[in-house]
């Protein structure tokens, strides 16, 4: 019973930690992706405009 409660508590703590870290990691990923996405969007717009 105690081990089950401990596992549940650790899972909740992990979820909160991942929630905080996940948001920052997503922000970093979005910053890294924004440049590549911009490039892809520009190439797509140019290709569509060319057609």
Protein backbone atom coordinates (compact mmCIF):
# COMPACT_ATOMS: atom_id res chain seq x y z
CA UNK A 1 0.00 0.00 0.00
CA UNK A 2 2.78 2.42 0.94
CA UNK A 3 4.76 1.54 -2.20
CA UNK A 4 1.68 2.14 -4.36
CA UNK A 5 1.13 5.55 -2.77
CA UNK A 6 4.83 6.36 -3.25
CA UNK A 7 4.68 5.39 -6.91
CA UNK A 8 1.58 7.56 -7.39
CA UNK A 9 3.25 10.48 -5.62
CA UNK A 10 6.44 10.16 -7.68
CA UNK A 11 4.36 9.95 -10.86
CA UNK A 12 2.52 13.14 -9.90
CA UNK A 13 5.83 14.86 -9.10
CA UNK A 14 7.26 13.68 -12.42
CA UNK A 15 4.21 14.99 -14.23
CA UNK A 16 4.57 18.44 -12.67
CA UNK A 17 8.31 18.44 -13.40
CA UNK A 18 7.74 17.33 -16.98
CA UNK A 19 4.99 19.93 -17.29
CA UNK A 20 7.37 22.74 -16.33
CA UNK A 21 10.36 21.34 -18.21
CA UNK A 22 8.17 20.31 -21.12
CA UNK A 23 7.01 23.88 -21.69
CA UNK A 24 10.58 25.23 -21.68
CA UNK A 25 11.76 22.37 -23.92
CA UNK A 26 8.87 23.09 -26.29
CA UNK A 27 9.81 26.77 -26.36
CA UNK A 28 13.38 25.88 -27.26
CA UNK A 29 12.13 23.45 -29.90
CA UNK A 30 9.79 26.05 -31.34
CA UNK A 31 12.66 28.54 -31.51
CA UNK A 32 14.82 25.98 -33.31
CA UNK A 33 11.96 25.02 -35.61
CA UNK A 34 10.85 28.58 -36.34
CA UNK A 35 13.90 29.21 -38.53
CA UNK A 36 13.49 25.94 -40.44
CA UNK A 37 9.71 26.39 -40.68
CA UNK A 38 10.22 29.91 -42.00
CA UNK A 39 12.59 28.57 -44.64
CA UNK A 40 10.14 25.82 -45.61
CA UNK A 41 7.25 28.30 -45.71
CA UNK A 42 9.26 30.69 -47.89
CA UNK A 43 10.20 27.91 -50.32
CA UNK A 44 6.57 26.75 -50.43
CA UNK A 45 5.29 30.26 -51.09
CA UNK A 46 7.93 30.76 -53.79
CA UNK A 47 7.06 27.43 -55.41
CA UNK A 48 3.33 28.23 -55.30
CA UNK A 49 3.99 31.71 -56.69
CA UNK A 50 6.17 30.22 -59.43
CA UNK A 51 3.32 27.90 -60.42
